[in-house]
Amino acid sequence: MPESERRVVNVLREPFLPYDMEGPLQEDITWLPVSWDDDAGQGSYLMRMEPGARTLSHEHAGFEEFLIVEGTLTDSDGTVFRAGDFVSYRGGVHHSWTETGCVIAVFEWQPPAAVEE
């Protein structure tokens, strides 16, 4: 397979970047883009949240899905997600926080446009 068709990111060695996807830089959150496309507003990335970090309220036009890789994440309704939980949201406003710190693999994507007959 040509390397142009595959990208391998070693998440244990690659440096995570400052996180500012919801606007201002959030010092206690970093991210590692894998296939993220700013123009399309979709793709995948890893997010590392330090203990006590809280995401800013933000809206997703399409689906936001994530896998908790390590730690715990608390949703705005109080639901606690743990390592191994895969969560899928339709578009809308979400915010969350972590007491323990966490690493999550995030997948944001737009569903295909409906075909009119």
PDB file of N, CA and C in Angstrom:
ATOM      1  N   MET A   1       0.843  -1.177   0.000  1.00  0.00           N
ATOM      2  CA  MET A   1       0.000   0.000   0.000  1.00  0.00           C
ATOM      3  C   MET A   1       0.888   1.240   0.000  1.00  0.00           C
ATOM      4  N   PRO A   2       0.622   2.202  -0.863  1.00  0.00           N
ATOM      5  CA  PRO A   2       1.418   3.441  -0.877  1.00  0.00           C
ATOM      6  C   PRO A   2       1.258   4.217   0.425  1.00  0.00           C
ATOM      7  N   GLU A   3       2.348   4.798   0.901  1.00  0.00           N
ATOM      8  CA  GLU A   3       2.305   5.575   2.135  1.00  0.00           C
ATOM      9  C   GLU A   3       1.336   6.749   2.051  1.00  0.00           C
ATOM     10  N   SER A   4       1.059   7.248   0.852  1.00  0.00           N
ATOM     11  CA  SER A   4       0.121   8.367   0.715  1.00  0.00           C
ATOM     12  C   SER A   4      -1.302   7.958   1.087  1.00  0.00           C
ATOM     13  N   GLU A   5      -1.584   6.653   1.149  1.00  0.00           N
ATOM     14  CA  GLU A   5      -2.908   6.161   1.495  1.00  0.00           C
ATOM     15  C   GLU A   5      -3.032   5.776   2.968  1.00  0.00           C
ATOM     16  N   ARG A   6      -1.919   5.848   3.703  1.00  0.00           N
ATOM     17  CA  ARG A   6      -1.942   5.439   5.102  1.00  0.00           C
ATOM     18  C   ARG A   6      -1.098   6.422   5.916  1.00  0.00           C
ATOM     19  N   ARG A   7      -1.573   6.729   7.098  1.00  0.00           N
ATOM     20  CA  ARG A   7      -0.800   7.558   8.025  1.00  0.00           C
ATOM     21  C   ARG A   7      -0.755   6.840   9.360  1.00  0.00           C
ATOM     22  N   VAL A   8       0.426   6.653   9.878  1.00  0.00           N
ATOM     23  CA  VAL A   8       0.594   6.009  11.173  1.00  0.00           C
ATOM     24  C   VAL A   8       1.084   7.064  12.153  1.00  0.00           C
ATOM     25  N   VAL A   9       0.381   7.208  13.259  1.00  0.00           N
ATOM     26  CA  VAL A   9       0.759   8.149  14.309  1.00  0.00           C
ATOM     27  C   VAL A   9       0.965   7.354  15.584  1.00  0.00           C
ATOM     28  N   ASN A  10       2.156   7.397  16.130  1.00  0.00           N
ATOM     29  CA  ASN A  10       2.409   6.721  17.395  1.00  0.00           C
ATOM     30  C   ASN A  10       2.050   7.689  18.514  1.00  0.00           C
ATOM     31  N   VAL A  11       0.931   7.436  19.158  1.00  0.00           N
ATOM     32  CA  VAL A  11       0.414   8.373  20.154  1.00  0.00           C
ATOM     33  C   VAL A  11       1.240   8.394  21.432  1.00  0.00           C
ATOM     34  N   LEU A  12       2.150   7.446  21.584  1.00  0.00           N
ATOM     35  CA  LEU A  12       3.030   7.450  22.747  1.00  0.00           C
ATOM     36  C   LEU A  12       4.256   8.328  22.530  1.00  0.00           C
ATOM     37  N   ARG A  13       4.589   8.599  21.250  1.00  0.00           N
ATOM     38  CA  ARG A  13       5.791   9.388  20.946  1.00  0.00           C
ATOM     39  C   ARG A  13       5.509  10.762  20.370  1.00  0.00           C
ATOM     40  N   GLU A  14       4.406  10.918  19.649  1.00  0.00           N
ATOM     41  CA  GLU A  14       4.100  12.206  19.012  1.00  0.00           C
ATOM     42  C   GLU A  14       3.718  13.247  20.066  1.00  0.00           C
ATOM     43  N   PRO A  15       4.201  14.467  19.929  1.00  0.00           N
ATOM     44  CA  PRO A  15       3.820  15.506  20.892  1.00  0.00           C
ATOM     45  C   PRO A  15       2.389  15.983  20.644  1.00  0.00           C
ATOM     46  N   PHE A  16       1.641  16.135  21.729  1.00  0.00           N
ATOM     47  CA  PHE A  16       0.302  16.711  21.646  1.00  0.00           C
ATOM     48  C   PHE A  16       0.447  18.226  21.541  1.00  0.00           C
ATOM     49  N   LEU A  17      -0.503  18.873  20.884  1.00  0.00           N
ATOM     50  CA  LEU A  17      -0.451  20.303  20.594  1.00  0.00           C
ATOM     51  C   LEU A  17      -1.394  21.084  21.505  1.00  0.00           C
ATOM     52  N   PRO A  18      -1.146  22.395  21.674  1.00  0.00           N
ATOM     53  CA  PRO A  18      -2.091  23.218  22.433  1.00  0.00           C
ATOM     54  C   PRO A  18      -3.484  23.132  21.802  1.00  0.00           C
ATOM     55  N   TYR A  19      -4.507  23.109  22.630  1.00  0.00           N
ATOM     56  CA  TYR A  19      -5.881  22.913  22.166  1.00  0.00           C
ATOM     57  C   TYR A  19      -6.657  24.232  22.163  1.00  0.00           C
ATOM     58  N   ASP A  20      -7.204  24.574  20.992  1.00  0.00           N
ATOM     59  CA  ASP A  20      -7.989  25.808  20.885  1.00  0.00           C
ATOM     60  C   ASP A  20      -9.172  25.646  19.924  1.00  0.00           C
ATOM     61  N   MET A  21      -9.690  24.439  19.793  1.00  0.00           N
ATOM     62  CA  MET A  21     -10.748  24.190  18.809  1.00  0.00           C
ATOM     63  C   MET A  21     -12.048  24.932  19.123  1.00  0.00           C
ATOM     64  N   GLU A  22     -12.333  25.228  20.380  1.00  0.00           N
ATOM     65  CA  GLU A  22     -13.558  25.952  20.735  1.00  0.00           C
ATOM     66  C   GLU A  22     -13.309  27.450  20.888  1.00  0.00           C
ATOM     67  N   GLY A  23     -12.183  27.945  20.423  1.00  0.00           N
ATOM     68  CA  GLY A  23     -11.894  29.380  20.539  1.00  0.00           C
ATOM     69  C   GLY A  23     -10.593  29.610  21.274  1.00  0.00           C
ATOM     70  N   PRO A  24     -10.675  30.079  22.527  1.00  0.00           N
ATOM     71  CA  PRO A  24      -9.438  30.406  23.246  1.00  0.00           C
ATOM     72  C   PRO A  24      -8.624  29.160  23.598  1.00  0.00           C
ATOM     73  N   LEU A  25      -7.329  29.342  23.714  1.00  0.00           N
ATOM     74  CA  LEU A  25      -6.425  28.268  24.112  1.00  0.00           C
ATOM     75  C   LEU A  25      -6.839  27.761  25.493  1.00  0.00           C
ATOM     76  N   GLN A  26      -6.929  26.444  25.621  1.00  0.00           N
ATOM     77  CA  GLN A  26      -7.244  25.834  26.910  1.00  0.00           C
ATOM     78  C   GLN A  26      -5.982  25.138  27.402  1.00  0.00           C
ATOM     79  N   GLU A  27      -5.360  25.707  28.407  1.00  0.00           N
ATOM     80  CA  GLU A  27      -4.049  25.263  28.888  1.00  0.00           C
ATOM     81  C   GLU A  27      -4.039  23.829  29.401  1.00  0.00           C
ATOM     82  N   ASP A  28      -5.172  23.333  29.914  1.00  0.00           N
ATOM     83  CA  ASP A  28      -5.211  22.004  30.515  1.00  0.00           C
ATOM     84  C   ASP A  28      -5.723  20.926  29.556  1.00  0.00           C
ATOM     85  N   ILE A  29      -5.804  21.257  28.255  1.00  0.00           N
ATOM     86  CA  ILE A  29      -6.213  20.303  27.239  1.00  0.00           C
ATOM     87  C   ILE A  29      -5.228  20.380  26.073  1.00  0.00           C
ATOM     88  N   THR A  30      -4.808  19.220  25.563  1.00  0.00           N
ATOM     89  CA  THR A  30      -3.961  19.171  24.372  1.00  0.00           C
ATOM     90  C   THR A  30      -4.580  18.173  23.401  1.00  0.00           C
ATOM     91  N   TRP A  31      -4.133  18.243  22.145  1.00  0.00           N
ATOM     92  CA  TRP A  31      -4.694  17.329  21.144  1.00  0.00           C
ATOM     93  C   TRP A  31      -3.640  16.904  20.154  1.00  0.00           C
ATOM     94  N   LEU A  32      -3.922  15.781  19.493  1.00  0.00           N
ATOM     95  CA  LEU A  32      -3.034  15.222  18.485  1.00  0.00           C
ATOM     96  C   LEU A  32      -3.868  14.923  17.243  1.00  0.00           C
ATOM     97  N   PRO A  33      -3.860  15.843  16.258  1.00  0.00           N
ATOM     98  CA  PRO A  33      -4.643  15.599  15.047  1.00  0.00           C
ATOM     99  C   PRO A  33      -4.110  14.378  14.293  1.00  0.00           C
ATOM    100  N   VAL A  34      -5.023  13.549  13.804  1.00  0.00           N
ATOM    101  CA  VAL A  34      -4.651  12.380  13.006  1.00  0.00           C
ATOM    102  C   VAL A  34      -5.131  12.600  11.578  1.00  0.00           C
ATOM    103  N   SER A  35      -6.433  12.798  11.411  1.00  0.00           N
ATOM    104  CA  SER A  35      -6.972  13.058  10.070  1.00  0.00           C
ATOM    105  C   SER A  35      -7.859  14.301  10.075  1.00  0.00           C
ATOM    106  N   TRP A  36      -7.675  15.180  11.042  1.00  0.00           N
ATOM    107  CA  TRP A  36      -8.527  16.353  11.187  1.00  0.00           C
ATOM    108  C   TRP A  36      -8.372  17.302  10.008  1.00  0.00           C
ATOM    109  N   ASP A  37      -9.492  17.771   9.469  1.00  0.00           N
ATOM    110  CA  ASP A  37      -9.525  18.726   8.367  1.00  0.00           C
ATOM    111  C   ASP A  37     -10.263  19.973   8.851  1.00  0.00           C
ATOM    112  N   ASP A  38      -9.523  21.064   9.091  1.00  0.00           N
ATOM    113  CA  ASP A  38     -10.125  22.309   9.585  1.00  0.00           C
ATOM    114  C   ASP A  38     -11.218  22.828   8.661  1.00  0.00           C
ATOM    115  N   ASP A  39     -10.956  22.802   7.354  1.00  0.00           N
ATOM    116  CA  ASP A  39     -11.920  23.345   6.398  1.00  0.00           C
ATOM    117  C   ASP A  39     -13.235  22.567   6.411  1.00  0.00           C
ATOM    118  N   ALA A  40     -13.157  21.262   6.484  1.00  0.00           N
ATOM    119  CA  ALA A  40     -14.364  20.430   6.486  1.00  0.00           C
ATOM    120  C   ALA A  40     -14.987  20.323   7.881  1.00  0.00           C
ATOM    121  N   GLY A  41     -14.191  20.623   8.921  1.00  0.00           N
ATOM    122  CA  GLY A  41     -14.693  20.503  10.285  1.00  0.00           C
ATOM    123  C   GLY A  41     -14.964  19.068  10.685  1.00  0.00           C
ATOM    124  N   GLN A  42     -14.152  18.161  10.172  1.00  0.00           N
ATOM    125  CA  GLN A  42     -14.331  16.760  10.523  1.00  0.00           C
ATOM    126  C   GLN A  42     -13.013  16.017  10.437  1.00  0.00           C
ATOM    127  N   GLY A  43     -12.990  14.838  11.027  1.00  0.00           N
ATOM    128  CA  GLY A  43     -11.799  14.004  11.044  1.00  0.00           C
ATOM    129  C   GLY A  43     -11.629  13.393  12.418  1.00  0.00           C
ATOM    130  N   SER A  44     -10.417  12.920  12.686  1.00  0.00           N
ATOM    131  CA  SER A  44     -10.156  12.266  13.967  1.00  0.00           C
ATOM    132  C   SER A  44      -8.936  12.884  14.649  1.00  0.00           C
ATOM    133  N   TYR A  45      -8.919  12.745  15.976  1.00  0.00           N
ATOM    134  CA  TYR A  45      -7.809  13.255  16.770  1.00  0.00           C
ATOM    135  C   TYR A  45      -7.865  12.634  18.150  1.00  0.00           C
ATOM    136  N   LEU A  46      -6.769  12.720  18.868  1.00  0.00           N
ATOM    137  CA  LEU A  46      -6.751  12.339  20.268  1.00  0.00           C
ATOM    138  C   LEU A  46      -6.748  13.597  21.102  1.00  0.00           C
ATOM    139  N   MET A  47      -7.414  13.549  22.226  1.00  0.00           N
ATOM    140  CA  MET A  47      -7.474  14.688  23.140  1.00  0.00           C
ATOM    141  C   MET A  47      -7.016  14.216  24.516  1.00  0.00           C
ATOM    142  N   ARG A  48      -6.122  14.975  25.111  1.00  0.00           N
ATOM    143  CA  ARG A  48      -5.661  14.694  26.473  1.00  0.00           C
ATOM    144  C   ARG A  48      -6.146  15.829  27.367  1.00  0.00           C
ATOM    145  N   MET A  49      -6.881  15.462  28.410  1.00  0.00           N
ATOM    146  CA  MET A  49      -7.390  16.450  29.368  1.00  0.00           C
ATOM    147  C   MET A  49      -6.741  16.187  30.723  1.00  0.00           C
ATOM    148  N   GLU A  50      -6.149  17.215  31.298  1.00  0.00           N
ATOM    149  CA  GLU A  50      -5.536  17.102  32.618  1.00  0.00           C
ATOM    150  C   GLU A  50      -6.628  17.021  33.688  1.00  0.00           C
ATOM    151  N   PRO A  51      -6.313  16.486  34.879  1.00  0.00           N
ATOM    152  CA  PRO A  51      -7.313  16.449  35.951  1.00  0.00           C
ATOM    153  C   PRO A  51      -7.913  17.837  36.193  1.00  0.00           C
ATOM    154  N   GLY A  52      -9.244  17.884  36.263  1.00  0.00           N
ATOM    155  CA  GLY A  52      -9.959  19.145  36.489  1.00  0.00           C
ATOM    156  C   GLY A  52     -10.285  19.918  35.229  1.00  0.00           C
ATOM    157  N   ALA A  53      -9.814  19.464  34.061  1.00  0.00           N
ATOM    158  CA  ALA A  53     -10.073  20.197  32.812  1.00  0.00           C
ATOM    159  C   ALA A  53     -11.548  20.122  32.439  1.00  0.00           C
ATOM    160  N   ARG A  54     -12.015  21.181  31.788  1.00  0.00           N
ATOM    161  CA  ARG A  54     -13.406  21.292  31.354  1.00  0.00           C
ATOM    162  C   ARG A  54     -13.423  21.862  29.939  1.00  0.00           C
ATOM    163  N   THR A  55     -14.153  21.205  29.039  1.00  0.00           N
ATOM    164  CA  THR A  55     -14.280  21.762  27.692  1.00  0.00           C
ATOM    165  C   THR A  55     -15.254  22.924  27.724  1.00  0.00           C
ATOM    166  N   LEU A  56     -15.076  23.852  26.813  1.00  0.00           N
ATOM    167  CA  LEU A  56     -16.023  24.946  26.668  1.00  0.00           C
ATOM    168  C   LEU A  56     -17.259  24.416  25.947  1.00  0.00           C
ATOM    169  N   SER A  57     -18.404  24.994  26.230  1.00  0.00           N
ATOM    170  CA  SER A  57     -19.611  24.595  25.528  1.00  0.00           C
ATOM    171  C   SER A  57     -19.394  24.835  24.038  1.00  0.00           C
ATOM    172  N   HIS A  58     -19.719  23.835  23.229  1.00  0.00           N
ATOM    173  CA  HIS A  58     -19.461  23.936  21.796  1.00  0.00           C
ATOM    174  C   HIS A  58     -20.496  23.131  21.037  1.00  0.00           C
ATOM    175  N   GLU A  59     -20.700  23.475  19.780  1.00  0.00           N
ATOM    176  CA  GLU A  59     -21.705  22.810  18.963  1.00  0.00           C
ATOM    177  C   GLU A  59     -21.041  22.051  17.828  1.00  0.00           C
ATOM    178  N   HIS A  60     -21.546  20.861  17.572  1.00  0.00           N
ATOM    179  CA  HIS A  60     -21.075  20.045  16.462  1.00  0.00           C
ATOM    180  C   HIS A  60     -22.181  19.965  15.426  1.00  0.00           C
ATOM    181  N   ALA A  61     -21.848  20.262  14.184  1.00  0.00           N
ATOM    182  CA  ALA A  61     -22.843  20.205  13.113  1.00  0.00           C
ATOM    183  C   ALA A  61     -23.214  18.769  12.774  1.00  0.00           C
ATOM    184  N   GLY A  62     -22.265  17.871  12.893  1.00  0.00           N
ATOM    185  CA  GLY A  62     -22.512  16.465  12.565  1.00  0.00           C
ATOM    186  C   GLY A  62     -22.346  15.597  13.792  1.00  0.00           C
ATOM    187  N   PHE A  63     -21.915  14.373  13.572  1.00  0.00           N
ATOM    188  CA  PHE A  63     -21.714  13.435  14.668  1.00  0.00           C
ATOM    189  C   PHE A  63     -20.390  13.713  15.373  1.00  0.00           C
ATOM    190  N   GLU A  64     -20.397  13.533  16.681  1.00  0.00           N
ATOM    191  CA  GLU A  64     -19.172  13.515  17.478  1.00  0.00           C
ATOM    192  C   GLU A  64     -19.177  12.177  18.198  1.00  0.00           C
ATOM    193  N   GLU A  65     -18.136  11.404  17.973  1.00  0.00           N
ATOM    194  CA  GLU A  65     -18.027  10.115  18.638  1.00  0.00           C
ATOM    195  C   GLU A  65     -16.647  10.047  19.284  1.00  0.00           C
ATOM    196  N   PHE A  66     -16.583   9.384  20.430  1.00  0.00           N
ATOM    197  CA  PHE A  66     -15.282   9.245  21.061  1.00  0.00           C
ATOM    198  C   PHE A  66     -15.192   7.969  21.874  1.00  0.00           C
ATOM    199  N   LEU A  67     -13.949   7.506  22.007  1.00  0.00           N
ATOM    200  CA  LEU A  67     -13.621   6.338  22.803  1.00  0.00           C
ATOM    201  C   LEU A  67     -12.767   6.810  23.968  1.00  0.00           C
ATOM    202  N   ILE A  68     -13.180   6.477  25.178  1.00  0.00           N
ATOM    203  CA  ILE A  68     -12.364   6.810  26.342  1.00  0.00           C
ATOM    204  C   ILE A  68     -11.220   5.786  26.389  1.00  0.00           C
ATOM    205  N   VAL A  69      -9.995   6.265  26.177  1.00  0.00           N
ATOM    206  CA  VAL A  69      -8.817   5.399  26.156  1.00  0.00           C
ATOM    207  C   VAL A  69      -8.303   5.171  27.569  1.00  0.00           C
ATOM    208  N   GLU A  70      -8.265   6.245  28.351  1.00  0.00           N
ATOM    209  CA  GLU A  70      -7.863   6.119  29.757  1.00  0.00           C
ATOM    210  C   GLU A  70      -8.506   7.228  30.566  1.00  0.00           C
ATOM    211  N   GLY A  71      -8.698   6.991  31.860  1.00  0.00           N
ATOM    212  CA  GLY A  71      -9.310   7.973  32.739  1.00  0.00           C
ATOM    213  C   GLY A  71     -10.829   7.962  32.648  1.00  0.00           C
ATOM    214  N   THR A  72     -11.438   9.049  33.150  1.00  0.00           N
ATOM    215  CA  THR A  72     -12.891   9.188  33.108  1.00  0.00           C
ATOM    216  C   THR A  72     -13.256  10.577  32.600  1.00  0.00           C
ATOM    217  N   LEU A  73     -14.446  10.676  32.014  1.00  0.00           N
ATOM    218  CA  LEU A  73     -14.977  11.933  31.496  1.00  0.00           C
ATOM    219  C   LEU A  73     -16.420  12.030  31.967  1.00  0.00           C
ATOM    220  N   THR A  74     -16.818  13.187  32.506  1.00  0.00           N
ATOM    221  CA  THR A  74     -18.179  13.390  32.984  1.00  0.00           C
ATOM    222  C   THR A  74     -18.919  14.294  32.014  1.00  0.00           C
ATOM    223  N   ASP A  75     -20.097  13.846  31.569  1.00  0.00           N
ATOM    224  CA  ASP A  75     -20.916  14.600  30.627  1.00  0.00           C
ATOM    225  C   ASP A  75     -21.714  15.676  31.371  1.00  0.00           C
ATOM    226  N   SER A  76     -22.294  16.610  30.630  1.00  0.00           N
ATOM    227  CA  SER A  76     -23.039  17.717  31.226  1.00  0.00           C
ATOM    228  C   SER A  76     -24.241  17.246  32.046  1.00  0.00           C
ATOM    229  N   ASP A  77     -24.754  16.038  31.784  1.00  0.00           N
ATOM    230  CA  ASP A  77     -25.886  15.524  32.574  1.00  0.00           C
ATOM    231  C   ASP A  77     -25.429  14.677  33.763  1.00  0.00           C
ATOM    232  N   GLY A  78     -24.109  14.614  34.004  1.00  0.00           N
ATOM    233  CA  GLY A  78     -23.576  13.871  35.138  1.00  0.00           C
ATOM    234  C   GLY A  78     -23.166  12.440  34.836  1.00  0.00           C
ATOM    235  N   THR A  79     -23.422  11.948  33.625  1.00  0.00           N
ATOM    236  CA  THR A  79     -23.015  10.599  33.253  1.00  0.00           C
ATOM    237  C   THR A  79     -21.490  10.519  33.207  1.00  0.00           C
ATOM    238  N   VAL A  80     -20.931   9.484  33.832  1.00  0.00           N
ATOM    239  CA  VAL A  80     -19.482   9.299  33.844  1.00  0.00           C
ATOM    240  C   VAL A  80     -19.124   8.206  32.839  1.00  0.00           C
ATOM    241  N   PHE A  81     -18.250   8.553  31.893  1.00  0.00           N
ATOM    242  CA  PHE A  81     -17.745   7.606  30.914  1.00  0.00           C
ATOM    243  C   PHE A  81     -16.374   7.138  31.374  1.00  0.00           C
ATOM    244  N   ARG A  82     -16.121   5.826  31.202  1.00  0.00           N
ATOM    245  CA  ARG A  82     -14.879   5.226  31.663  1.00  0.00           C
ATOM    246  C   ARG A  82     -14.118   4.587  30.504  1.00  0.00           C
ATOM    247  N   ALA A  83     -12.855   4.244  30.748  1.00  0.00           N
ATOM    248  CA  ALA A  83     -12.032   3.602  29.719  1.00  0.00           C
ATOM    249  C   ALA A  83     -12.808   2.445  29.089  1.00  0.00           C
ATOM    250  N   GLY A  84     -12.831   2.426  27.761  1.00  0.00           N
ATOM    251  CA  GLY A  84     -13.549   1.408  27.016  1.00  0.00           C
ATOM    252  C   GLY A  84     -14.920   1.852  26.539  1.00  0.00           C
ATOM    253  N   ASP A  85     -15.474   2.931  27.108  1.00  0.00           N
ATOM    254  CA  ASP A  85     -16.775   3.428  26.659  1.00  0.00           C
ATOM    255  C   ASP A  85     -16.630   4.153  25.332  1.00  0.00           C
ATOM    256  N   PHE A  86     -17.489   3.803  24.367  1.00  0.00           N
ATOM    257  CA  PHE A  86     -17.545   4.485  23.076  1.00  0.00           C
ATOM    258  C   PHE A  86     -18.860   5.247  23.053  1.00  0.00           C
ATOM    259  N   VAL A  87     -18.798   6.566  22.863  1.00  0.00           N
ATOM    260  CA  VAL A  87     -19.965   7.438  22.962  1.00  0.00           C
ATOM    261  C   VAL A  87     -20.229   8.073  21.600  1.00  0.00           C
ATOM    262  N   SER A  88     -21.500   8.121  21.194  1.00  0.00           N
ATOM    263  CA  SER A  88     -21.879   8.715  19.916  1.00  0.00           C
ATOM    264  C   SER A  88     -22.960   9.762  20.141  1.00  0.00           C
ATOM    265  N   TYR A  89     -22.707  10.985  19.673  1.00  0.00           N
ATOM    266  CA  TYR A  89     -23.668  12.090  19.752  1.00  0.00           C
ATOM    267  C   TYR A  89     -24.051  12.536  18.348  1.00  0.00           C
ATOM    268  N   ARG A  90     -25.298  12.876  18.179  1.00  0.00           N
ATOM    269  CA  ARG A  90     -25.717  13.591  16.976  1.00  0.00           C
ATOM    270  C   ARG A  90     -25.326  15.048  17.190  1.00  0.00           C
ATOM    271  N   GLY A  91     -25.452  15.890  16.157  1.00  0.00           N
ATOM    272  CA  GLY A  91     -25.065  17.295  16.263  1.00  0.00           C
ATOM    273  C   GLY A  91     -25.769  18.001  17.406  1.00  0.00           C
ATOM    274  N   GLY A  92     -25.098  18.993  17.965  1.00  0.00           N
ATOM    275  CA  GLY A  92     -25.681  19.767  19.060  1.00  0.00           C
ATOM    276  C   GLY A  92     -24.614  20.303  19.980  1.00  0.00           C
ATOM    277  N   VAL A  93     -25.058  20.827  21.102  1.00  0.00           N
ATOM    278  CA  VAL A  93     -24.158  21.463  22.056  1.00  0.00           C
ATOM    279  C   VAL A  93     -23.789  20.472  23.157  1.00  0.00           C
ATOM    280  N   HIS A  94     -22.502  20.402  23.469  1.00  0.00           N
ATOM    281  CA  HIS A  94     -22.023  19.500  24.513  1.00  0.00           C
ATOM    282  C   HIS A  94     -20.902  20.178  25.289  1.00  0.00           C
ATOM    283  N   HIS A  95     -20.778  19.812  26.533  1.00  0.00           N
ATOM    284  CA  HIS A  95     -19.565  20.139  27.266  1.00  0.00           C
ATOM    285  C   HIS A  95     -19.360  19.067  28.321  1.00  0.00           C
ATOM    286  N   SER A  96     -18.129  18.896  28.742  1.00  0.00           N
ATOM    287  CA  SER A  96     -17.794  17.829  29.670  1.00  0.00           C
ATOM    288  C   SER A  96     -16.573  18.237  30.475  1.00  0.00           C
ATOM    289  N   TRP A  97     -16.280  17.444  31.497  1.00  0.00           N
ATOM    290  CA  TRP A  97     -15.109  17.714  32.328  1.00  0.00           C
ATOM    291  C   TRP A  97     -14.561  16.395  32.843  1.00  0.00           C
ATOM    292  N   THR A  98     -13.366  16.460  33.392  1.00  0.00           N
ATOM    293  CA  THR A  98     -12.740  15.272  33.953  1.00  0.00           C
ATOM    294  C   THR A  98     -12.146  15.594  35.306  1.00  0.00           C
ATOM    295  N   GLU A  99     -12.420  14.750  36.267  1.00  0.00           N
ATOM    296  CA  GLU A  99     -11.802  14.915  37.580  1.00  0.00           C
ATOM    297  C   GLU A  99     -10.463  14.203  37.626  1.00  0.00           C
ATOM    298  N   THR A 100     -10.353  13.086  36.905  1.00  0.00           N
ATOM    299  CA  THR A 100      -9.166  12.236  36.974  1.00  0.00           C
ATOM    300  C   THR A 100      -8.129  12.547  35.901  1.00  0.00           C
ATOM    301  N   GLY A 101      -8.556  13.263  34.854  1.00  0.00           N
ATOM    302  CA  GLY A 101      -7.759  13.377  33.641  1.00  0.00           C
ATOM    303  C   GLY A 101      -8.155  12.236  32.720  1.00  0.00           C
ATOM    304  N   CYS A 102      -7.969  12.418  31.411  1.00  0.00           N
ATOM    305  CA  CYS A 102      -8.345  11.360  30.474  1.00  0.00           C
ATOM    306  C   CYS A 102      -7.669  11.570  29.127  1.00  0.00           C
ATOM    307  N   VAL A 103      -7.658  10.507  28.349  1.00  0.00           N
ATOM    308  CA  VAL A 103      -7.268  10.546  26.945  1.00  0.00           C
ATOM    309  C   VAL A 103      -8.430   9.951  26.180  1.00  0.00           C
ATOM    310  N   ILE A 104      -8.896  10.674  25.150  1.00  0.00           N
ATOM    311  CA  ILE A 104     -10.002  10.171  24.350  1.00  0.00           C
ATOM    312  C   ILE A 104      -9.645  10.249  22.865  1.00  0.00           C
ATOM    313  N   ALA A 105     -10.097   9.253  22.119  1.00  0.00           N
ATOM    314  CA  ALA A 105      -9.962   9.251  20.656  1.00  0.00           C
ATOM    315  C   ALA A 105     -11.285   9.790  20.115  1.00  0.00           C
ATOM    316  N   VAL A 106     -11.214  10.899  19.361  1.00  0.00           N
ATOM    317  CA  VAL A 106     -12.415  11.604  18.901  1.00  0.00           C
ATOM    318  C   VAL A 106     -12.565  11.457  17.395  1.00  0.00           C
ATOM    319  N   PHE A 107     -13.803  11.242  16.972  1.00  0.00           N
ATOM    320  CA  PHE A 107     -14.141  11.106  15.556  1.00  0.00           C
ATOM    321  C   PHE A 107     -15.317  12.027  15.277  1.00  0.00           C
ATOM    322  N   GLU A 108     -15.117  13.049  14.467  1.00  0.00           N
ATOM    323  CA  GLU A 108     -16.194  13.966  14.098  1.00  0.00           C
ATOM    324  C   GLU A 108     -16.439  13.825  12.608  1.00  0.00           C
ATOM    325  N   TRP A 109     -17.713  13.658  12.225  1.00  0.00           N
ATOM    326  CA  TRP A 109     -18.020  13.439  10.817  1.00  0.00           C
ATOM    327  C   TRP A 109     -19.427  13.908  10.494  1.00  0.00           C
ATOM    328  N   GLN A 110     -19.608  14.199   9.228  1.00  0.00           N
ATOM    329  CA  GLN A 110     -20.903  14.636   8.710  1.00  0.00           C
ATOM    330  C   GLN A 110     -21.589  13.461   8.027  1.00  0.00           C
ATOM    331  N   PRO A 111     -22.868  13.241   8.334  1.00  0.00           N
ATOM    332  CA  PRO A 111     -23.570  12.169   7.617  1.00  0.00           C
ATOM    333  C   PRO A 111     -23.744  12.573   6.154  1.00  0.00           C
ATOM    334  N   PRO A 112     -23.845  11.594   5.275  1.00  0.00           N
ATOM    335  CA  PRO A 112     -24.039  11.917   3.847  1.00  0.00           C
ATOM    336  C   PRO A 112     -25.332  12.704   3.637  1.00  0.00           C
ATOM    337  N   ALA A 113     -25.319  13.604   2.684  1.00  0.00           N
ATOM    338  CA  ALA A 113     -26.525  14.381   2.373  1.00  0.00           C
ATOM    339  C   ALA A 113     -27.602  13.441   1.840  1.00  0.00           C
ATOM    340  N   ALA A 114     -28.834  13.715   2.208  1.00  0.00           N
ATOM    341  CA  ALA A 114     -29.954  12.903   1.717  1.00  0.00           C
ATOM    342  C   ALA A 114     -30.100  13.083   0.226  1.00  0.00           C
ATOM    343  N   VAL A 115     -30.358  11.987  -0.458  1.00  0.00           N
ATOM    344  CA  VAL A 115     -30.533  12.013  -1.903  1.00  0.00           C
ATOM    345  C   VAL A 115     -32.024  12.201  -2.191  1.00  0.00           C
ATOM    346  N   GLU A 116     -32.345  13.233  -2.960  1.00  0.00           N
ATOM    347  CA  GLU A 116     -33.741  13.472  -3.335  1.00  0.00           C
ATOM    348  C   GLU A 116     -34.064  12.723  -4.611  1.00  0.00           C
ATOM    349  N   GLU A 117     -35.246  12.121  -4.628  1.00  0.00           N
ATOM    350  CA  GLU A 117     -35.651  11.365  -5.819  1.00  0.00           C
ATOM    351  C   GLU A 117     -36.630  12.159  -6.647  1.00  0.00           C
TER     352      GLU A 117
END
